[in-house]
Protein backbone atom coordinates (compact mmCIF):
# COMPACT_ATOMS: atom_id res chain seq x y z
CA MET A 1 7.46 -16.93 28.07
CA ASP A 2 3.72 -17.52 28.51
CA PRO A 3 3.32 -19.10 31.97
CA THR A 4 -0.18 -20.43 31.22
CA PRO A 5 -0.64 -23.81 32.93
CA ARG A 6 0.03 -26.66 30.51
CA GLN A 7 -2.73 -29.05 29.55
CA PRO A 8 -2.31 -32.83 29.87
CA THR A 9 -1.61 -34.73 26.68
CA ARG A 10 -4.58 -36.69 25.43
CA PRO A 11 -4.14 -40.41 24.69
CA GLU A 12 -2.63 -41.16 21.30
CA ARG A 13 -5.01 -42.80 18.83
CA THR A 14 -4.15 -45.43 16.28
CA PRO A 15 -4.20 -44.87 12.49
CA SER A 16 -6.98 -47.46 12.19
CA GLU A 17 -9.58 -44.90 13.25
CA ARG A 18 -10.89 -43.95 9.83
CA THR A 19 -14.17 -42.39 10.97
CA PRO A 20 -13.75 -38.89 12.40
CA PRO A 21 -15.28 -38.37 15.85
CA PRO A 22 -18.24 -36.00 16.21
CA SER A 23 -17.23 -32.35 16.12
CA PRO A 24 -16.92 -30.85 19.60
CA THR A 25 -19.86 -28.78 20.79
CA PRO A 26 -19.13 -25.04 20.55
CA PRO A 27 -18.24 -23.69 24.00
CA GLY A 28 -20.81 -21.82 26.05
CA PRO A 29 -20.41 -18.18 27.24
CA ASP A 30 -18.53 -19.03 30.46
CA GLU A 31 -16.18 -21.41 28.68
CA ARG A 32 -15.59 -18.82 25.96
CA ALA A 33 -14.36 -16.35 28.55
CA ASP A 34 -11.98 -19.01 29.92
CA LEU A 35 -10.66 -19.69 26.41
CA LEU A 36 -10.01 -16.00 25.77
CA LEU A 37 -8.13 -15.72 29.07
CA GLY A 38 -6.12 -18.89 28.45
CA GLY A 39 -4.31 -17.77 25.29
CA PRO A 40 -1.67 -15.04 24.89
CA LEU A 41 -3.42 -13.51 21.86
CA GLY A 42 -6.79 -13.63 23.58
CA ARG A 43 -5.41 -11.74 26.59
CA GLN A 44 -3.58 -9.33 24.32
CA LEU A 45 -6.86 -8.49 22.57
CA LEU A 46 -8.62 -8.03 25.91
CA GLY A 47 -5.83 -5.69 26.98
CA ALA A 48 -6.27 -3.65 23.80
CA PHE A 49 -9.95 -3.17 24.67
CA VAL A 50 -8.96 -2.00 28.16
CA SER A 51 -6.58 0.60 26.72
CA PRO A 52 -4.55 0.98 23.52
CA LEU A 53 -1.67 2.08 25.78
CA LEU A 54 -2.00 -0.66 28.39
CA GLU A 55 1.52 -2.03 27.90
CA HIS A 56 3.00 1.46 28.34
CA THR A 57 0.96 1.94 31.52
CA LEU A 58 2.11 -1.39 32.93
CA PHE A 59 5.76 -0.89 32.01
CA GLU A 60 5.78 2.51 33.71
CA SER A 61 3.83 1.57 36.84
CA LEU A 62 5.75 -1.69 37.38
CA GLY A 63 9.19 -0.19 36.88
CA LEU A 64 9.98 -2.05 33.64
CA GLY A 65 11.36 0.99 31.83
CA ASP A 66 10.31 1.92 28.31
CA VAL A 67 8.39 -0.47 26.12
CA PRO A 68 11.04 -1.89 23.75
CA GLY A 69 11.24 0.16 20.57
CA THR A 70 9.65 3.26 22.12
CA ALA A 71 10.78 6.29 24.06
CA PHE A 72 9.21 9.19 25.94
CA TRP A 73 9.50 12.79 24.72
CA ALA A 74 9.32 15.42 27.45
CA THR A 75 9.01 19.20 26.94
CA SER A 76 11.40 21.37 28.91
CA THR A 77 9.89 23.22 31.86
CA SER A 78 12.50 25.98 31.64
CA GLY A 79 10.50 27.96 29.11
CA THR A 80 12.53 26.98 26.05
CA GLY A 81 9.79 24.71 24.73
CA ARG A 82 12.37 22.17 23.64
CA ALA A 83 11.55 18.49 23.65
CA SER A 84 14.07 15.94 24.76
CA LEU A 85 14.20 12.16 24.67
CA VAL A 86 13.75 10.67 28.12
CA ARG A 87 14.49 7.08 29.00
CA ARG A 88 12.53 5.67 31.90
CA ARG A 89 14.76 3.83 34.34
CA LYS A 90 14.30 0.08 34.35
CA ARG A 91 14.29 -1.26 37.90
CA ARG A 92 13.57 -4.95 37.19
CA GLU A 93 12.46 -7.56 34.65
CA TRP A 94 8.78 -8.42 34.28
CA HIS A 95 9.17 -11.85 35.89
CA GLN A 96 10.65 -10.20 38.99
CA VAL A 97 7.46 -8.24 39.73
CA PRO A 98 5.43 -9.77 42.59
CA ALA A 99 2.17 -11.28 41.40
CA ALA A 100 0.09 -9.12 43.75
CA GLU A 101 1.64 -5.99 42.26
CA VAL A 102 0.92 -7.14 38.72
CA ARG A 103 -2.68 -7.93 39.57
CA GLY A 104 -3.12 -4.56 41.25
CA ALA A 105 -1.81 -2.68 38.21
CA VAL A 106 -4.03 -4.60 35.80
CA ARG A 107 -7.02 -4.28 38.11
CA ALA A 108 -6.57 -0.50 38.19
CA ALA A 109 -6.27 -0.36 34.39
CA VAL A 110 -9.45 -2.42 33.96
CA PHE A 111 -11.31 -0.19 36.41
CA GLU A 112 -10.33 2.95 34.49
CA GLY A 113 -10.43 1.39 31.02
CA GLU A 114 -12.61 1.92 27.98
CA TRP A 115 -13.71 -1.70 27.56
CA HIS A 116 -17.37 -1.05 28.44
CA ARG A 117 -17.89 -0.03 24.80
CA ILE A 118 -17.54 -3.69 23.78
CA GLY A 119 -21.32 -4.05 23.90
CA GLU A 120 -21.68 -1.35 21.24
CA LEU A 121 -19.22 -2.83 18.75
CA THR A 122 -20.12 -4.50 15.48
CA GLU A 123 -18.34 -7.67 14.47
CA SER A 124 -16.23 -5.80 11.94
CA ASP A 125 -15.18 -3.35 14.70
CA ALA A 126 -14.00 -6.22 16.88
CA LEU A 127 -12.22 -7.88 13.94
CA THR A 128 -10.39 -4.61 13.28
CA GLU A 129 -8.98 -4.77 16.82
CA LEU A 130 -8.08 -8.42 16.33
CA ALA A 131 -6.28 -7.71 13.04
CA SER A 132 -4.30 -4.93 14.70
CA GLU A 133 -3.16 -7.19 17.55
CA SER A 134 -2.45 -10.31 15.50
CA SER A 135 -0.59 -8.71 12.57
CA THR A 136 2.58 -8.27 14.66
CA PHE A 137 1.91 -10.99 17.24
CA GLY A 138 5.13 -12.51 18.52
CA PHE A 139 7.43 -9.97 16.89
CA MET A 140 7.23 -6.96 19.21
CA GLY A 141 9.92 -6.53 21.83
CA SER A 142 7.33 -6.30 24.59
CA ASP A 143 5.34 -9.43 23.69
CA GLU A 144 6.99 -11.80 26.16
CA ALA A 145 6.40 -9.37 29.03
CA VAL A 146 2.81 -8.62 28.01
CA TRP A 147 1.95 -12.31 27.73
CA GLY A 148 3.58 -13.11 31.06
CA LEU A 149 2.04 -10.22 32.98
CA SER A 150 -1.43 -10.81 31.54
CA ALA A 151 -1.21 -14.51 32.46
CA VAL A 152 -0.44 -13.61 36.07
CA ALA A 153 -3.39 -11.19 36.12
CA ALA A 154 -5.80 -13.19 33.95
CA GLU A 155 -8.58 -13.06 36.57
CA GLU A 156 -8.37 -9.27 36.62
CA LEU A 157 -9.20 -9.35 32.89
CA ARG A 158 -12.19 -11.64 33.39
CA PRO A 159 -14.84 -8.86 33.30
CA VAL A 160 -13.51 -7.84 29.89
CA ALA A 161 -13.44 -11.45 28.68
CA THR A 162 -17.01 -12.03 29.87
CA ALA A 163 -18.19 -8.88 28.12
CA LEU A 164 -16.51 -9.82 24.83
CA ALA A 165 -17.59 -13.48 24.96
CA GLY A 166 -21.22 -12.42 25.47
CA SER A 167 -21.23 -9.54 23.01
CA THR A 168 -23.05 -9.30 19.69
CA ALA A 169 -19.69 -8.64 18.04
CA ALA A 170 -18.36 -12.08 19.05
CA SER A 171 -21.61 -14.05 18.81
CA ARG A 172 -20.44 -15.97 15.70
CA TRP A 173 -16.83 -16.51 16.74
CA TRP A 174 -17.31 -20.17 17.67
CA GLU A 175 -19.76 -21.18 14.93
CA PRO A 176 -18.94 -24.14 12.65
CA VAL A 177 -17.91 -23.62 9.05
CA GLN A 178 -20.54 -21.85 6.93
CA ARG A 179 -20.85 -24.28 4.04
CA ALA A 180 -23.22 -22.28 1.82
CA ASP A 181 -20.89 -19.32 1.30
CA GLN A 182 -17.15 -19.69 1.81
CA ARG A 183 -15.02 -16.79 0.59
CA GLN A 184 -11.77 -17.46 -1.26
CA LEU A 185 -9.13 -14.78 -1.83
CA VAL A 186 -6.92 -15.43 -4.87
CA TRP A 187 -3.88 -13.19 -5.34
CA SER A 188 -2.77 -14.70 -8.64
CA GLY A 189 -4.44 -16.70 -11.41
CA ASP A 190 -8.01 -16.57 -12.57
CA GLY A 191 -9.72 -18.15 -9.53
CA PRO A 192 -11.72 -18.79 -7.54
CA GLU A 193 -11.60 -22.57 -7.48
CA LEU A 194 -11.00 -25.51 -5.17
CA THR A 195 -9.45 -28.10 -7.46
CA GLY A 196 -6.26 -30.15 -7.51
CA ILE A 197 -6.09 -30.07 -3.74
CA GLU A 198 -5.07 -33.69 -3.19
CA ASP A 199 -2.00 -33.31 -5.43
CA ALA A 200 -1.03 -30.06 -3.67
CA VAL A 201 -1.27 -31.76 -0.27
CA ARG A 202 0.94 -34.67 -1.32
CA GLN A 203 3.55 -32.48 -3.00
CA ASP A 204 3.79 -29.98 -0.13
CA MET A 205 3.99 -32.67 2.53
CA ALA A 206 6.80 -34.45 0.66
CA ARG A 207 8.71 -31.18 0.32
CA GLU A 208 8.16 -30.14 3.95
CA ARG A 209 9.29 -33.54 5.25
CA ALA A 210 12.50 -33.25 3.20
CA GLU A 211 13.12 -29.71 4.50
CA ASN A 212 12.55 -30.89 8.07
CA ALA A 213 15.05 -33.74 7.65
CA ARG A 214 17.70 -31.27 6.39
CA GLY A 215 16.95 -28.86 9.24
CA LEU A 216 17.36 -31.51 11.92
CA LYS A 217 21.04 -31.77 10.98
CA ARG A 218 21.70 -28.15 12.02
CA ARG A 219 19.33 -27.86 14.97
CA PRO A 220 20.46 -25.39 17.69
CA ARG A 221 21.66 -26.68 21.03
CA LYS A 222 19.42 -26.84 24.05
CA GLY A 223 18.68 -23.38 25.47
CA GLU A 224 19.85 -21.49 22.37
CA ARG A 225 17.65 -18.98 20.58
CA ASN A 226 17.15 -19.45 16.84
CA ILE A 227 15.18 -16.52 15.45
CA GLY A 228 14.43 -16.80 11.75
CA ALA A 229 12.87 -20.27 11.44
CA ILE A 230 9.41 -20.96 10.01
CA TRP A 231 6.93 -19.68 12.58
CA TRP A 232 3.57 -20.30 10.89
CA SER A 233 1.48 -23.46 11.25
CA ALA A 234 -0.35 -23.21 7.93
CA PRO A 235 1.14 -25.30 5.10
CA ASP A 236 2.13 -23.63 1.84
CA PHE A 237 -0.83 -25.09 -0.03
CA ALA A 238 -3.15 -23.14 2.28
CA GLN A 239 -2.87 -20.02 0.13
CA ASN A 240 -4.77 -21.82 -2.64
CA THR A 241 -7.08 -24.03 -0.59
CA TRP A 242 -8.33 -22.18 2.46
CA THR A 243 -11.46 -20.09 2.70
CA THR A 244 -13.23 -17.94 5.31
CA GLY A 245 -16.87 -17.40 6.17
CA PRO A 246 -18.95 -14.35 5.17
CA ARG A 247 -18.90 -11.39 7.58
CA GLU A 248 -21.29 -8.42 7.28
CA ASP A 249 -20.74 -6.62 3.95
CA LEU A 250 -17.03 -7.45 3.70
CA PRO A 251 -15.75 -9.26 0.59
CA THR A 252 -13.56 -11.48 2.83
CA ILE A 253 -12.08 -11.00 6.28
CA GLU A 254 -8.76 -12.27 4.93
CA LEU A 255 -8.25 -8.71 3.64
CA GLY A 256 -8.03 -7.66 7.29
CA HIS A 257 -4.32 -8.49 7.11
CA PHE A 258 -4.29 -10.56 10.29
CA ILE A 259 -0.96 -12.07 9.26
CA ASP A 260 1.44 -11.65 6.35
CA THR A 261 2.05 -15.32 5.57
CA PHE A 262 0.72 -15.20 2.01
CA ALA A 263 -0.17 -11.54 1.39
CA PRO A 264 1.93 -9.76 -1.25
CA PHE A 265 3.78 -6.53 -0.52
CA GLY A 266 2.74 -3.28 -2.16
CA GLU A 267 -0.26 -2.64 -4.40
CA SER A 268 -1.86 -5.83 -5.67
CA THR A 269 -5.06 -7.07 -7.22
CA ALA A 270 -6.99 -10.06 -5.93
CA THR A 271 -10.10 -11.96 -6.96
CA VAL A 272 -12.71 -12.92 -4.37
CA GLY A 273 -15.15 -15.76 -4.92
CA SER A 274 -17.98 -17.51 -3.11
CA ILE A 275 -17.73 -21.30 -2.82
CA ALA A 276 -20.44 -23.70 -1.66
CA ILE A 277 -19.25 -26.78 0.22
CA GLY A 278 -20.97 -30.16 0.09
CA ALA A 279 -23.15 -31.06 3.06
CA ARG A 280 -21.31 -34.37 3.54
CA ALA A 281 -17.84 -32.81 3.73
CA ARG A 282 -16.10 -33.91 6.95
CA VAL A 283 -14.75 -30.87 8.80
CA ALA A 284 -12.69 -30.89 12.00
CA GLU A 285 -13.68 -27.90 14.13
CA ILE A 286 -11.00 -26.17 16.22
CA HIS A 287 -12.62 -24.25 19.08
CA GLY A 288 -9.52 -23.96 21.24
CA PRO A 289 -6.06 -25.38 22.06
CA LEU A 290 -7.37 -28.80 23.13
CA ASP A 291 -8.91 -29.39 19.71
CA TRP A 292 -5.68 -28.41 17.95
CA GLN A 293 -3.69 -30.53 20.38
CA ASP A 294 -5.98 -33.49 19.72
CA LEU A 295 -5.55 -33.14 15.94
CA VAL A 296 -1.76 -33.15 16.25
CA VAL A 297 -1.74 -36.13 18.63
CA ARG A 298 -3.89 -38.14 16.22
CA PHE A 299 -1.87 -37.18 13.13
CA PRO A 300 1.61 -36.07 14.28
CA ARG A 301 4.34 -34.75 11.98
CA ASP A 302 7.75 -33.73 13.35
CA VAL A 303 8.63 -30.18 12.27
CA THR A 304 11.54 -29.59 14.65
CA GLY A 305 13.96 -29.13 11.77
CA THR A 306 11.96 -26.26 10.26
CA HIS A 307 10.11 -24.67 13.21
CA ASP A 308 12.72 -24.72 15.99
CA GLY A 309 13.09 -20.95 16.09
CA GLU A 310 10.56 -18.33 17.21
CA TRP A 311 8.57 -21.06 18.95
CA ARG A 312 11.50 -21.57 21.35
CA THR A 313 11.29 -17.94 22.41
CA TRP A 314 7.52 -17.77 22.56
CA ALA A 315 7.15 -20.94 24.64
CA ASP A 316 10.54 -21.03 26.40
CA GLU A 317 10.79 -24.67 25.35
CA ASP A 318 13.36 -26.50 23.23
CA GLY A 319 10.91 -28.80 21.46
CA PRO A 320 10.64 -31.18 19.74
CA TRP A 321 7.87 -29.54 17.71
CA TYR A 322 4.90 -31.12 15.97
CA LEU A 323 2.20 -30.08 13.50
CA PRO A 324 -0.55 -32.10 11.81
CA ASP A 325 0.45 -34.42 9.00
CA TRP A 326 -2.03 -33.02 6.52
CA GLU A 327 -1.76 -36.02 4.24
CA ALA A 328 -2.78 -38.27 7.15
CA VAL A 329 -5.51 -35.85 8.26
CA ALA A 330 -6.95 -36.02 4.73
CA GLU A 331 -7.68 -39.73 5.23
CA HIS A 332 -10.27 -38.75 7.85
CA TYR A 333 -11.32 -35.17 7.09
CA ASP A 334 -12.03 -32.97 4.08
CA GLY A 335 -11.13 -29.77 5.90
CA VAL A 336 -9.98 -28.26 9.19
CA HIS A 337 -11.76 -25.11 10.40
CA VAL A 338 -10.18 -22.84 13.01
CA THR A 339 -12.94 -20.62 14.39
CA VAL A 340 -12.27 -17.00 15.29
CA GLY A 341 -12.56 -17.92 18.96
CA GLY A 342 -10.36 -20.98 18.50
CA TYR A 343 -7.70 -18.82 16.85
CA LEU A 344 -7.80 -16.35 19.74
CA ALA A 345 -7.55 -19.10 22.35
CA ALA A 346 -4.78 -21.13 20.70
CA CYS A 347 -2.58 -18.72 18.75
CA GLY A 348 0.97 -18.63 20.07
CA ARG A 349 0.24 -21.03 22.92
CA ALA A 350 2.50 -24.06 23.32
CA SER A 351 0.47 -27.22 23.99
CA PRO A 352 2.13 -30.51 25.00
CA VAL A 353 1.85 -33.38 22.53
CA LEU A 354 3.66 -36.71 22.59
CA ASP A 355 7.24 -35.96 23.75
CA GLY A 356 7.15 -32.30 22.69
CA TRP A 357 4.96 -29.34 21.81
CA THR A 358 2.74 -27.83 19.14
CA VAL A 359 1.88 -24.22 18.33
CA LEU A 360 -0.91 -22.76 16.22
CA ALA A 361 0.24 -19.53 14.56
CA GLY A 362 0.15 -17.80 11.18
CA TRP A 363 -3.47 -18.78 10.57
CA VAL A 364 -6.30 -16.53 9.41
CA PRO A 365 -9.17 -16.61 11.95
CA ASP A 366 -12.24 -18.47 10.68
CA ALA A 367 -10.16 -20.05 7.89
CA THR A 368 -10.89 -23.60 6.77
CA LEU A 369 -7.99 -25.50 5.26
CA TRP A 370 -9.47 -27.79 2.60
CA LEU A 371 -7.80 -31.15 1.97
CA HIS A 372 -10.14 -32.49 -0.73
CA ASP A 373 -12.08 -31.08 -3.67
CA VAL A 374 -15.46 -30.67 -1.97
CA ALA A 375 -16.84 -27.55 -3.68
CA THR A 376 -20.31 -27.95 -5.19
CA ALA A 377 -20.61 -24.45 -6.67
CA VAL A 378 -18.21 -21.57 -7.38
CA ARG A 379 -18.94 -17.98 -8.40
CA ARG A 380 -16.79 -14.89 -8.67
CA LEU A 381 -17.83 -11.93 -6.52
CA GLY A 382 -15.42 -9.24 -7.73
CA GLN A 383 -11.92 -7.83 -7.45
CA TRP A 384 -10.04 -5.98 -4.77
CA HIS A 385 -7.11 -3.64 -5.42
CA GLY A 386 -4.90 -1.96 -2.86
CA ASP A 387 -1.99 -2.30 -0.47
CA LEU A 388 -2.76 -4.33 2.64
CA GLY A 389 0.03 -2.49 4.42
CA ASP A 390 -2.02 0.70 4.12
CA THR A 391 -5.39 -0.67 5.22
CA GLY A 392 -6.14 0.63 8.69
CA ASP A 393 -9.76 -0.51 8.98
CA TRP A 394 -12.58 -2.08 7.01
CA ASP A 395 -13.50 1.23 5.37
CA ASP A 396 -10.11 1.09 3.63
CA VAL A 397 -10.86 -2.48 2.55
CA ARG A 398 -14.29 -1.50 1.22
CA ALA A 399 -12.75 1.39 -0.73
CA GLY A 400 -10.66 -1.05 -2.78
CA TRP A 401 -13.53 -3.40 -3.51
CA SER A 402 -15.12 -3.62 -6.99
CA PRO A 403 -17.99 -6.16 -6.98
CA ASP A 404 -19.05 -7.80 -10.22
CA ARG A 405 -22.27 -6.42 -11.65
């Protein structure tokens, strides 16, 4: 459970509002730090900058036993040199630890941590850390404890958040969509292209509504866990219609394997293209959870029948659950852009909407989901070949890249 204070639901708007409101102004440095501290993924990334072993340190110092899925090997002191598996005794659950004790442990870790190097990082360095944290987000046995503990001690992480928010590495993380050069990753077909989008939106929405109606008939009872439902917020047509902005010399940051929603398993070949977007294209900018919440409130779609699973565990709520009705969104916008900072602030966080909740998850940072054919120019950049499961950093990604001559 992420005990972050809930935000009030914004007033519901009527479908008669055809003109999209002005895009929100990107947050300033102080607000960026608040956004990073407000989301479970944002705090998890900050903790990774403090120490790669922060969760182990906290579990040990707070008497929470071993981090789930791990164990401690100790070498015998009797001279035999043998190693034996040692289980640390668990004295209590994370929510039983007094807040002052949690804050003290995190404060000590921040004081001794390695996070001061944030100012020396390039953007690709910081995105490597983000990919590492987000690729398994929500599916590690320690996640609930890490999110809860970091929420209690969010202020102790503020120096790290301020450093990251003001760093060169994160200076573009809240910028609007870069229309002149959007990168598209195509795993199958000739690509790149942004055509036939409207038909894909209609077909996928009709199918997802039917699946949701079937799922509502077998919804779990209140308080039950239901692991194995759909956990991502991106619609299926996203794999053929979303793009990301250019970053340094990387073909596309989507190769960072932030999530595995659409990436194939094993060795695969993909085409990467550059797409120019028309200047008049209407794009909704998502800088944080309030923007995502506002989009869902304006264009709600019930997804309780398909998404009432992992979200229950992550949020400790029984729903109902809502996502944007992309067909309705398309009447007002040509695309929806989730900035890197917006992804960090909103991912995995339950926000109240209408009579239930919404969650943003399973989304590539900086990805724009296009809802109309708004490309003005398309060119192929090259091909990438490799196994995303084996890519540890951007050097591995660059090694598989073959640009067109």
